[in-house]
Amino acid sequence: MAQFPGTSQGLARGSPSASTILDRSGDIPARMESWYTLGLQVNAGILGSLGMAMDPARARFVYSAAKDRVILDWPKDGNKAAEDALRAMQDRVAAANGVGTGVPVLGVPDVGTSFTAHPLGGAVIGEATDSYGRVKGHPGLYVMDGAAIPGSTGTANPSLTITAPAERNIAKVIADGR
């Protein structure tokens, strides 16, 4: 890859979290991770942040007898408490540092607040699979990603929580020859 003055070699690889703040003072635990602008070794005036909140009461799966199926019961404003907790944290951090929020240069006054970056579950280890990620009843089929994680990793990025058992599981699968 060609290198340009002022850029790092990790331009296409992303960057590690530069800092993390965990706030347990409110009703909903919230974490904010910040990372350097991808690939830049100079202050570009932008610091990306990802806010994560743990709000276990916002939605649930329920059986609907009328529809004879399981449905997701997600209140219309189901994310509001989590969004408010994260926005308050971001505003406090910005105020303490004398900066604003959003991306003013692009005319963005605030950032998007509702998405799931790392969905988890679906083929949970020990339930849909054996304890090493081998899908029960389907030889040669393995679950080694976030689908194996049985729920939330709290307000932390689950990448290493996914990586550790995946490495453990694949070593066992290779050692067993299956």
N, C-alpha and C. Protein backbone atom coordinates (compact mmCIF):
# COMPACT_ATOMS: atom_id res chain seq x y z
N MET A 1 0.85 -1.17 0.00
CA MET A 1 0.00 0.00 0.00
C MET A 1 0.89 1.24 0.00
N ALA A 2 0.59 2.20 -0.82
CA ALA A 2 1.36 3.44 -0.87
C ALA A 2 1.15 4.23 0.41
N GLN A 3 2.22 4.85 0.89
CA GLN A 3 2.14 5.66 2.11
C GLN A 3 2.20 7.13 1.74
N PHE A 4 1.43 7.91 2.41
CA PHE A 4 1.40 9.34 2.20
C PHE A 4 1.91 10.02 3.46
N PRO A 5 2.60 11.15 3.33
CA PRO A 5 3.10 11.84 4.52
C PRO A 5 1.97 12.11 5.50
N GLY A 6 2.23 11.85 6.78
CA GLY A 6 1.24 12.12 7.83
C GLY A 6 0.25 11.00 8.05
N THR A 7 0.37 9.89 7.31
CA THR A 7 -0.56 8.78 7.52
C THR A 7 0.18 7.61 8.13
N SER A 8 -0.53 6.73 8.77
CA SER A 8 0.08 5.55 9.37
C SER A 8 -0.08 4.37 8.44
N GLN A 9 0.64 3.30 8.73
CA GLN A 9 0.52 2.10 7.92
C GLN A 9 -0.80 1.40 8.12
N GLY A 10 -1.52 1.72 9.18
CA GLY A 10 -2.78 1.05 9.49
C GLY A 10 -3.99 1.69 8.85
N LEU A 11 -3.81 2.48 7.81
CA LEU A 11 -4.90 3.23 7.20
C LEU A 11 -6.10 2.35 6.87
N ALA A 12 -5.88 1.18 6.31
CA ALA A 12 -7.00 0.33 5.91
C ALA A 12 -7.38 -0.67 7.00
N ARG A 13 -6.70 -0.63 8.13
CA ARG A 13 -6.94 -1.63 9.16
C ARG A 13 -7.74 -1.10 10.35
N GLY A 14 -8.15 0.13 10.32
CA GLY A 14 -8.86 0.69 11.47
C GLY A 14 -7.88 1.11 12.54
N SER A 15 -8.37 1.41 13.69
CA SER A 15 -7.50 1.85 14.77
C SER A 15 -8.06 1.37 16.10
N PRO A 16 -7.18 1.26 17.09
CA PRO A 16 -7.67 0.83 18.40
C PRO A 16 -8.39 1.96 19.11
N SER A 17 -9.14 1.59 20.13
CA SER A 17 -9.80 2.60 20.94
C SER A 17 -8.73 3.42 21.66
N ALA A 18 -8.86 4.73 21.57
CA ALA A 18 -7.90 5.62 22.23
C ALA A 18 -8.25 5.78 23.70
N SER A 19 -9.52 5.68 24.02
CA SER A 19 -9.96 5.82 25.41
C SER A 19 -11.34 5.20 25.56
N THR A 20 -11.67 4.93 26.79
CA THR A 20 -13.02 4.43 27.08
C THR A 20 -13.46 4.98 28.43
N ILE A 21 -14.72 5.31 28.52
CA ILE A 21 -15.30 5.83 29.76
C ILE A 21 -16.52 4.99 30.07
N LEU A 22 -16.62 4.51 31.30
CA LEU A 22 -17.79 3.77 31.75
C LEU A 22 -18.49 4.61 32.80
N ASP A 23 -19.75 4.89 32.57
CA ASP A 23 -20.54 5.71 33.49
C ASP A 23 -21.67 4.86 34.05
N ARG A 24 -21.60 4.59 35.34
CA ARG A 24 -22.64 3.79 36.00
C ARG A 24 -23.50 4.66 36.91
N SER A 25 -23.43 5.97 36.76
CA SER A 25 -24.12 6.86 37.68
C SER A 25 -25.62 6.95 37.42
N GLY A 26 -26.06 6.65 36.22
CA GLY A 26 -27.49 6.74 35.91
C GLY A 26 -28.19 5.40 36.00
N ASP A 27 -29.42 5.37 35.53
CA ASP A 27 -30.21 4.14 35.55
C ASP A 27 -29.70 3.11 34.55
N ILE A 28 -29.05 3.58 33.50
CA ILE A 28 -28.56 2.70 32.44
C ILE A 28 -27.04 2.84 32.34
N PRO A 29 -26.28 1.76 32.59
CA PRO A 29 -24.83 1.84 32.41
C PRO A 29 -24.52 2.22 30.96
N ALA A 30 -23.58 3.13 30.79
CA ALA A 30 -23.23 3.59 29.45
C ALA A 30 -21.71 3.64 29.31
N ARG A 31 -21.23 3.33 28.12
CA ARG A 31 -19.79 3.38 27.83
C ARG A 31 -19.59 4.17 26.54
N MET A 32 -18.56 4.97 26.54
CA MET A 32 -18.19 5.68 25.33
C MET A 32 -16.75 5.31 25.00
N GLU A 33 -16.53 4.84 23.77
CA GLU A 33 -15.19 4.56 23.29
C GLU A 33 -14.87 5.59 22.22
N SER A 34 -13.65 6.07 22.25
CA SER A 34 -13.19 7.02 21.23
C SER A 34 -11.98 6.43 20.54
N TRP A 35 -11.85 6.73 19.27
CA TRP A 35 -10.70 6.23 18.53
C TRP A 35 -10.18 7.34 17.64
N TYR A 36 -8.92 7.19 17.26
CA TYR A 36 -8.28 8.18 16.43
C TYR A 36 -8.87 8.15 15.03
N THR A 37 -8.81 9.26 14.34
CA THR A 37 -9.25 9.30 12.95
C THR A 37 -8.41 8.29 12.18
N LEU A 38 -9.06 7.41 11.46
CA LEU A 38 -8.39 6.29 10.82
C LEU A 38 -7.18 6.70 10.01
N GLY A 39 -6.03 6.12 10.37
CA GLY A 39 -4.81 6.28 9.60
C GLY A 39 -4.07 7.59 9.78
N LEU A 40 -4.63 8.56 10.48
CA LEU A 40 -3.95 9.84 10.60
C LEU A 40 -3.12 9.91 11.86
N GLN A 41 -1.90 10.41 11.74
CA GLN A 41 -1.04 10.61 12.89
C GLN A 41 -1.00 12.09 13.26
N VAL A 42 -1.88 12.85 12.69
CA VAL A 42 -1.95 14.29 12.98
C VAL A 42 -3.33 14.59 13.54
N ASN A 43 -3.45 15.69 14.26
CA ASN A 43 -4.74 16.07 14.81
C ASN A 43 -5.60 16.64 13.70
N ALA A 44 -6.61 15.87 13.30
CA ALA A 44 -7.50 16.29 12.23
C ALA A 44 -8.72 17.02 12.79
N GLY A 45 -8.77 17.20 14.10
CA GLY A 45 -9.90 17.89 14.70
C GLY A 45 -11.15 17.04 14.82
N ILE A 46 -11.01 15.75 14.59
CA ILE A 46 -12.14 14.84 14.67
C ILE A 46 -11.74 13.65 15.54
N LEU A 47 -12.60 13.28 16.43
CA LEU A 47 -12.40 12.08 17.24
C LEU A 47 -13.68 11.29 17.17
N GLY A 48 -13.62 10.11 16.59
CA GLY A 48 -14.81 9.28 16.49
C GLY A 48 -15.17 8.69 17.84
N SER A 49 -16.43 8.61 18.11
CA SER A 49 -16.88 8.01 19.37
C SER A 49 -18.00 7.03 19.11
N LEU A 50 -18.02 5.98 19.90
CA LEU A 50 -19.09 5.01 19.84
C LEU A 50 -19.64 4.87 21.24
N GLY A 51 -20.91 5.13 21.39
CA GLY A 51 -21.54 4.99 22.70
C GLY A 51 -22.32 3.69 22.75
N MET A 52 -22.20 2.99 23.89
CA MET A 52 -22.90 1.73 24.07
C MET A 52 -23.63 1.78 25.41
N ALA A 53 -24.85 1.32 25.41
CA ALA A 53 -25.63 1.33 26.65
C ALA A 53 -26.23 -0.05 26.88
N MET A 54 -26.39 -0.38 28.15
CA MET A 54 -26.96 -1.67 28.52
C MET A 54 -28.34 -1.43 29.10
N ASP A 55 -29.36 -1.61 28.26
CA ASP A 55 -30.74 -1.38 28.68
C ASP A 55 -31.52 -2.68 28.47
N PRO A 56 -31.49 -3.58 29.45
CA PRO A 56 -32.11 -4.88 29.24
C PRO A 56 -33.64 -4.87 29.21
N ALA A 57 -34.26 -3.76 29.56
CA ALA A 57 -35.72 -3.72 29.63
C ALA A 57 -36.38 -3.14 28.39
N ARG A 58 -35.63 -2.82 27.36
CA ARG A 58 -36.23 -2.10 26.25
C ARG A 58 -37.04 -2.96 25.28
N ALA A 59 -36.77 -4.24 25.20
CA ALA A 59 -37.50 -5.09 24.26
C ALA A 59 -37.50 -6.52 24.77
N ARG A 60 -38.44 -7.30 24.23
CA ARG A 60 -38.50 -8.70 24.62
C ARG A 60 -39.22 -9.50 23.54
N PHE A 61 -38.92 -10.78 23.49
CA PHE A 61 -39.64 -11.68 22.61
C PHE A 61 -40.80 -12.27 23.38
N VAL A 62 -41.98 -12.30 22.75
CA VAL A 62 -43.17 -12.85 23.39
C VAL A 62 -43.94 -13.71 22.38
N TYR A 63 -44.66 -14.67 22.91
CA TYR A 63 -45.49 -15.50 22.05
C TYR A 63 -46.83 -14.81 21.83
N SER A 64 -47.24 -14.67 20.58
CA SER A 64 -48.53 -14.09 20.22
C SER A 64 -49.46 -15.23 19.82
N ALA A 65 -50.45 -15.49 20.67
CA ALA A 65 -51.42 -16.54 20.35
C ALA A 65 -52.21 -16.18 19.11
N ALA A 66 -52.51 -14.88 18.93
CA ALA A 66 -53.29 -14.43 17.77
C ALA A 66 -52.55 -14.71 16.46
N LYS A 67 -51.21 -14.57 16.48
CA LYS A 67 -50.41 -14.80 15.27
C LYS A 67 -49.78 -16.18 15.26
N ASP A 68 -49.89 -16.90 16.38
CA ASP A 68 -49.29 -18.21 16.56
C ASP A 68 -47.80 -18.21 16.21
N ARG A 69 -47.11 -17.20 16.73
CA ARG A 69 -45.67 -17.12 16.54
C ARG A 69 -45.06 -16.19 17.58
N VAL A 70 -43.77 -16.26 17.68
CA VAL A 70 -43.03 -15.38 18.60
C VAL A 70 -42.79 -14.06 17.87
N ILE A 71 -43.04 -12.97 18.57
CA ILE A 71 -42.82 -11.64 17.98
C ILE A 71 -41.90 -10.83 18.89
N LEU A 72 -41.28 -9.84 18.31
CA LEU A 72 -40.45 -8.92 19.08
C LEU A 72 -41.31 -7.76 19.53
N ASP A 73 -41.44 -7.60 20.82
CA ASP A 73 -42.19 -6.50 21.41
C ASP A 73 -41.20 -5.38 21.70
N TRP A 74 -41.14 -4.41 20.80
CA TRP A 74 -40.18 -3.31 20.90
C TRP A 74 -40.95 -2.01 20.97
N PRO A 75 -40.99 -1.37 22.13
CA PRO A 75 -41.73 -0.12 22.25
C PRO A 75 -41.24 0.93 21.25
N LYS A 76 -42.15 1.79 20.80
CA LYS A 76 -41.81 2.80 19.80
C LYS A 76 -40.59 3.62 20.21
N ASP A 77 -40.51 4.02 21.46
CA ASP A 77 -39.37 4.79 21.95
C ASP A 77 -38.44 3.91 22.78
N GLY A 78 -38.29 2.66 22.38
CA GLY A 78 -37.51 1.70 23.14
C GLY A 78 -36.05 2.06 23.35
N ASN A 79 -35.48 2.85 22.45
CA ASN A 79 -34.07 3.24 22.59
C ASN A 79 -33.88 4.57 23.31
N LYS A 80 -34.96 5.27 23.61
CA LYS A 80 -34.85 6.64 24.12
C LYS A 80 -34.01 6.75 25.38
N ALA A 81 -34.22 5.90 26.37
CA ALA A 81 -33.46 6.00 27.62
C ALA A 81 -31.97 5.78 27.37
N ALA A 82 -31.63 4.81 26.53
CA ALA A 82 -30.23 4.55 26.21
C ALA A 82 -29.63 5.73 25.45
N GLU A 83 -30.36 6.24 24.46
CA GLU A 83 -29.88 7.39 23.69
C GLU A 83 -29.66 8.60 24.58
N ASP A 84 -30.59 8.84 25.50
CA ASP A 84 -30.47 9.98 26.41
C ASP A 84 -29.25 9.84 27.31
N ALA A 85 -29.01 8.62 27.82
CA ALA A 85 -27.85 8.38 28.69
C ALA A 85 -26.55 8.62 27.93
N LEU A 86 -26.49 8.14 26.69
CA LEU A 86 -25.27 8.31 25.90
C LEU A 86 -25.07 9.76 25.48
N ARG A 87 -26.16 10.42 25.10
CA ARG A 87 -26.05 11.83 24.70
C ARG A 87 -25.58 12.69 25.88
N ALA A 88 -26.11 12.41 27.08
CA ALA A 88 -25.69 13.16 28.27
C ALA A 88 -24.20 12.96 28.54
N MET A 89 -23.72 11.73 28.40
CA MET A 89 -22.31 11.45 28.61
C MET A 89 -21.46 12.20 27.58
N GLN A 90 -21.86 12.12 26.31
CA GLN A 90 -21.11 12.79 25.25
C GLN A 90 -21.10 14.30 25.48
N ASP A 91 -22.22 14.85 25.89
CA ASP A 91 -22.29 16.29 26.14
C ASP A 91 -21.37 16.70 27.29
N ARG A 92 -21.29 15.87 28.35
CA ARG A 92 -20.40 16.17 29.48
C ARG A 92 -18.93 16.13 29.04
N VAL A 93 -18.57 15.13 28.25
CA VAL A 93 -17.19 15.02 27.77
C VAL A 93 -16.86 16.21 26.87
N ALA A 94 -17.77 16.57 25.98
CA ALA A 94 -17.54 17.70 25.08
C ALA A 94 -17.39 19.00 25.87
N ALA A 95 -18.28 19.22 26.84
CA ALA A 95 -18.24 20.45 27.63
C ALA A 95 -16.94 20.55 28.43
N ALA A 96 -16.49 19.43 29.00
CA ALA A 96 -15.26 19.43 29.79
C ALA A 96 -14.04 19.73 28.93
N ASN A 97 -14.15 19.48 27.63
CA ASN A 97 -13.01 19.71 26.74
C ASN A 97 -13.19 20.94 25.86
N GLY A 98 -14.28 21.67 26.07
CA GLY A 98 -14.49 22.89 25.31
C GLY A 98 -14.73 22.68 23.83
N VAL A 99 -15.36 21.58 23.49
CA VAL A 99 -15.64 21.28 22.09
C VAL A 99 -17.13 21.01 21.92
N GLY A 100 -17.55 20.93 20.68
CA GLY A 100 -18.94 20.61 20.38
C GLY A 100 -19.09 19.15 20.02
N THR A 101 -20.28 18.77 19.62
CA THR A 101 -20.55 17.40 19.20
C THR A 101 -21.00 17.40 17.74
N GLY A 102 -21.11 16.24 17.18
CA GLY A 102 -21.51 16.15 15.78
C GLY A 102 -20.32 16.39 14.87
N VAL A 103 -20.60 16.69 13.61
CA VAL A 103 -19.56 16.97 12.63
C VAL A 103 -19.92 18.30 11.96
N PRO A 104 -19.60 19.42 12.64
CA PRO A 104 -20.01 20.73 12.11
C PRO A 104 -19.55 21.01 10.68
N VAL A 105 -18.35 20.56 10.33
CA VAL A 105 -17.85 20.83 8.98
C VAL A 105 -18.74 20.20 7.91
N LEU A 106 -19.47 19.15 8.28
CA LEU A 106 -20.39 18.51 7.34
C LEU A 106 -21.84 18.92 7.59
N GLY A 107 -22.04 19.84 8.53
CA GLY A 107 -23.38 20.29 8.84
C GLY A 107 -24.20 19.28 9.61
N VAL A 108 -23.54 18.37 10.33
CA VAL A 108 -24.23 17.34 11.11
C VAL A 108 -24.22 17.78 12.58
N PRO A 109 -25.37 18.21 13.12
CA PRO A 109 -25.41 18.72 14.49
C PRO A 109 -25.33 17.63 15.54
N ASP A 110 -25.67 16.42 15.20
CA ASP A 110 -25.68 15.31 16.14
C ASP A 110 -25.41 14.05 15.33
N VAL A 111 -25.14 12.99 15.99
CA VAL A 111 -24.84 11.75 15.29
C VAL A 111 -25.99 10.77 15.40
N GLY A 112 -26.00 9.79 14.52
CA GLY A 112 -27.03 8.75 14.57
C GLY A 112 -26.93 7.98 15.87
N THR A 113 -28.03 7.52 16.36
CA THR A 113 -28.02 6.90 17.68
C THR A 113 -28.58 5.49 17.73
N SER A 114 -29.12 5.00 16.68
CA SER A 114 -29.80 3.72 16.80
C SER A 114 -29.32 2.72 15.76
N PHE A 115 -28.37 1.91 16.17
CA PHE A 115 -27.93 0.82 15.32
C PHE A 115 -27.27 -0.23 16.20
N THR A 116 -27.11 -1.41 15.66
CA THR A 116 -26.42 -2.47 16.37
C THR A 116 -25.20 -2.84 15.55
N ALA A 117 -24.03 -2.59 16.11
CA ALA A 117 -22.79 -2.86 15.40
C ALA A 117 -22.39 -4.32 15.48
N HIS A 118 -22.72 -4.97 16.58
CA HIS A 118 -22.26 -6.33 16.80
C HIS A 118 -23.39 -7.20 17.35
N PRO A 119 -24.30 -7.65 16.48
CA PRO A 119 -25.37 -8.51 16.99
C PRO A 119 -24.79 -9.83 17.51
N LEU A 120 -25.37 -10.33 18.59
CA LEU A 120 -24.88 -11.55 19.22
C LEU A 120 -26.01 -12.55 19.36
N GLY A 121 -25.65 -13.81 19.50
CA GLY A 121 -26.63 -14.86 19.73
C GLY A 121 -27.19 -15.43 18.45
N GLY A 122 -28.02 -16.42 18.59
CA GLY A 122 -28.67 -17.04 17.44
C GLY A 122 -28.30 -18.50 17.29
N ALA A 123 -27.04 -18.84 17.55
CA ALA A 123 -26.58 -20.23 17.51
C ALA A 123 -25.64 -20.41 18.70
N VAL A 124 -26.21 -20.29 19.87
CA VAL A 124 -25.44 -20.18 21.11
C VAL A 124 -24.63 -21.44 21.42
N ILE A 125 -23.37 -21.20 21.78
CA ILE A 125 -22.48 -22.30 22.15
C ILE A 125 -23.05 -23.05 23.35
N GLY A 126 -23.01 -24.36 23.27
CA GLY A 126 -23.56 -25.19 24.34
C GLY A 126 -25.04 -25.48 24.18
N GLU A 127 -25.71 -24.79 23.27
CA GLU A 127 -27.12 -25.05 23.00
C GLU A 127 -27.28 -25.53 21.56
N ALA A 128 -27.05 -24.65 20.59
CA ALA A 128 -27.12 -25.06 19.18
C ALA A 128 -25.87 -25.83 18.78
N THR A 129 -24.81 -25.64 19.56
CA THR A 129 -23.54 -26.29 19.27
C THR A 129 -23.07 -27.05 20.51
N ASP A 130 -22.01 -27.83 20.33
CA ASP A 130 -21.37 -28.40 21.51
C ASP A 130 -20.52 -27.29 22.13
N SER A 131 -19.75 -27.61 23.14
CA SER A 131 -18.99 -26.56 23.83
C SER A 131 -17.80 -26.06 23.03
N TYR A 132 -17.59 -26.60 21.82
CA TYR A 132 -16.52 -26.13 20.95
C TYR A 132 -17.03 -25.55 19.63
N GLY A 133 -18.30 -25.21 19.56
CA GLY A 133 -18.83 -24.55 18.37
C GLY A 133 -19.24 -25.47 17.24
N ARG A 134 -19.19 -26.79 17.46
CA ARG A 134 -19.61 -27.73 16.41
C ARG A 134 -21.13 -27.87 16.47
N VAL A 135 -21.80 -27.54 15.37
CA VAL A 135 -23.27 -27.56 15.34
C VAL A 135 -23.78 -28.98 15.53
N LYS A 136 -24.66 -29.14 16.50
CA LYS A 136 -25.19 -30.46 16.85
C LYS A 136 -25.97 -31.05 15.67
N GLY A 137 -25.66 -32.28 15.34
CA GLY A 137 -26.37 -32.98 14.27
C GLY A 137 -25.91 -32.62 12.87
N HIS A 138 -24.89 -31.77 12.74
CA HIS A 138 -24.41 -31.36 11.41
C HIS A 138 -22.89 -31.39 11.37
N PRO A 139 -22.32 -32.57 11.21
CA PRO A 139 -20.85 -32.69 11.19
C PRO A 139 -20.23 -31.77 10.14
N GLY A 140 -19.15 -31.10 10.52
CA GLY A 140 -18.45 -30.21 9.59
C GLY A 140 -18.98 -28.79 9.57
N LEU A 141 -20.02 -28.51 10.33
CA LEU A 141 -20.58 -27.15 10.40
C LEU A 141 -20.24 -26.57 11.77
N TYR A 142 -19.66 -25.37 11.78
CA TYR A 142 -19.17 -24.77 13.00
C TYR A 142 -19.69 -23.34 13.15
N VAL A 143 -19.86 -22.89 14.38
CA VAL A 143 -20.20 -21.49 14.68
C VAL A 143 -19.02 -20.93 15.46
N MET A 144 -18.33 -19.96 14.86
CA MET A 144 -17.13 -19.39 15.49
C MET A 144 -17.21 -17.87 15.52
N ASP A 145 -18.41 -17.33 15.44
CA ASP A 145 -18.55 -15.87 15.41
C ASP A 145 -19.46 -15.40 16.54
N GLY A 146 -19.96 -14.19 16.43
CA GLY A 146 -20.81 -13.61 17.47
C GLY A 146 -22.10 -14.35 17.71
N ALA A 147 -22.53 -15.17 16.75
CA ALA A 147 -23.76 -15.94 16.94
C ALA A 147 -23.63 -16.92 18.11
N ALA A 148 -22.39 -17.30 18.45
CA ALA A 148 -22.17 -18.26 19.54
C ALA A 148 -22.27 -17.61 20.92
N ILE A 149 -22.17 -16.30 21.00
CA ILE A 149 -22.18 -15.60 22.28
C ILE A 149 -23.63 -15.53 22.78
N PRO A 150 -23.90 -15.98 24.01
CA PRO A 150 -25.28 -16.15 24.47
C PRO A 150 -26.03 -14.88 24.87
N GLY A 151 -25.49 -13.73 24.64
CA GLY A 151 -26.22 -12.51 25.02
C GLY A 151 -25.32 -11.31 24.87
N SER A 152 -25.44 -10.42 25.76
CA SER A 152 -24.68 -9.18 25.70
C SER A 152 -23.30 -9.34 26.30
N THR A 153 -22.35 -8.55 25.83
CA THR A 153 -21.04 -8.46 26.46
C THR A 153 -20.99 -7.17 27.27
N GLY A 154 -22.13 -6.81 27.82
CA GLY A 154 -22.22 -5.57 28.61
C GLY A 154 -22.15 -4.38 27.68
N THR A 155 -21.40 -3.40 28.07
CA THR A 155 -21.25 -2.22 27.23
C THR A 155 -19.86 -2.21 26.62
N ALA A 156 -19.35 -3.37 26.30
CA ALA A 156 -18.00 -3.49 25.72
C ALA A 156 -18.10 -4.06 24.32
N ASN A 157 -17.20 -3.62 23.46
CA ASN A 157 -17.10 -4.18 22.12
C ASN A 157 -16.82 -5.67 22.27
N PRO A 158 -17.59 -6.53 21.60
CA PRO A 158 -17.44 -7.97 21.81
C PRO A 158 -16.34 -8.64 21.00
N SER A 159 -15.52 -7.89 20.29
CA SER A 159 -14.56 -8.50 19.36
C SER A 159 -13.64 -9.51 20.04
N LEU A 160 -13.08 -9.18 21.20
CA LEU A 160 -12.18 -10.13 21.87
C LEU A 160 -12.96 -11.24 22.56
N THR A 161 -14.19 -10.96 22.98
CA THR A 161 -15.05 -11.99 23.56
C THR A 161 -15.38 -13.03 22.50
N ILE A 162 -15.48 -12.62 21.26
CA ILE A 162 -15.73 -13.54 20.14
C ILE A 162 -14.43 -14.25 19.76
N THR A 163 -13.33 -13.52 19.72
CA THR A 163 -12.06 -14.08 19.26
C THR A 163 -11.54 -15.18 20.18
N ALA A 164 -11.62 -14.98 21.49
CA ALA A 164 -11.04 -15.96 22.43
C ALA A 164 -11.66 -17.35 22.28
N PRO A 165 -13.00 -17.49 22.36
CA PRO A 165 -13.53 -18.85 22.19
C PRO A 165 -13.35 -19.38 20.77
N ALA A 166 -13.35 -18.50 19.77
CA ALA A 166 -13.15 -18.97 18.39
C ALA A 166 -11.77 -19.61 18.25
N GLU A 167 -10.75 -18.97 18.83
CA GLU A 167 -9.40 -19.54 18.77
C GLU A 167 -9.33 -20.86 19.55
N ARG A 168 -9.93 -20.88 20.72
CA ARG A 168 -9.97 -22.10 21.54
C ARG A 168 -10.69 -23.21 20.80
N ASN A 169 -11.85 -22.88 20.22
CA ASN A 169 -12.68 -23.88 19.55
C ASN A 169 -11.99 -24.46 18.32
N ILE A 170 -11.41 -23.61 17.50
CA ILE A 170 -10.80 -24.11 16.27
C ILE A 170 -9.58 -24.96 16.58
N ALA A 171 -8.85 -24.62 17.66
CA ALA A 171 -7.71 -25.46 18.06
C ALA A 171 -8.20 -26.85 18.44
N LYS A 172 -9.31 -26.94 19.13
CA LYS A 172 -9.88 -28.24 19.53
C LYS A 172 -10.39 -29.00 18.31
N VAL A 173 -11.06 -28.32 17.40
CA VAL A 173 -11.57 -28.96 16.20
C VAL A 173 -10.41 -29.53 15.38
N ILE A 174 -9.34 -28.77 15.24
CA ILE A 174 -8.17 -29.24 14.49
C ILE A 174 -7.52 -30.41 15.21
N ALA A 175 -7.35 -30.29 16.54
CA ALA A 175 -6.73 -31.37 17.32
C ALA A 175 -7.53 -32.66 17.22
N ASP A 176 -8.86 -32.55 17.20
CA ASP A 176 -9.72 -33.72 17.09
C ASP A 176 -9.83 -34.26 15.67
N GLY A 177 -9.38 -33.48 14.70
CA GLY A 177 -9.46 -33.90 13.31
C GLY A 177 -10.88 -33.83 12.75
N ARG A 178 -11.72 -33.00 13.36
CA ARG A 178 -13.10 -32.85 12.88
C ARG A 178 -13.67 -31.52 13.27
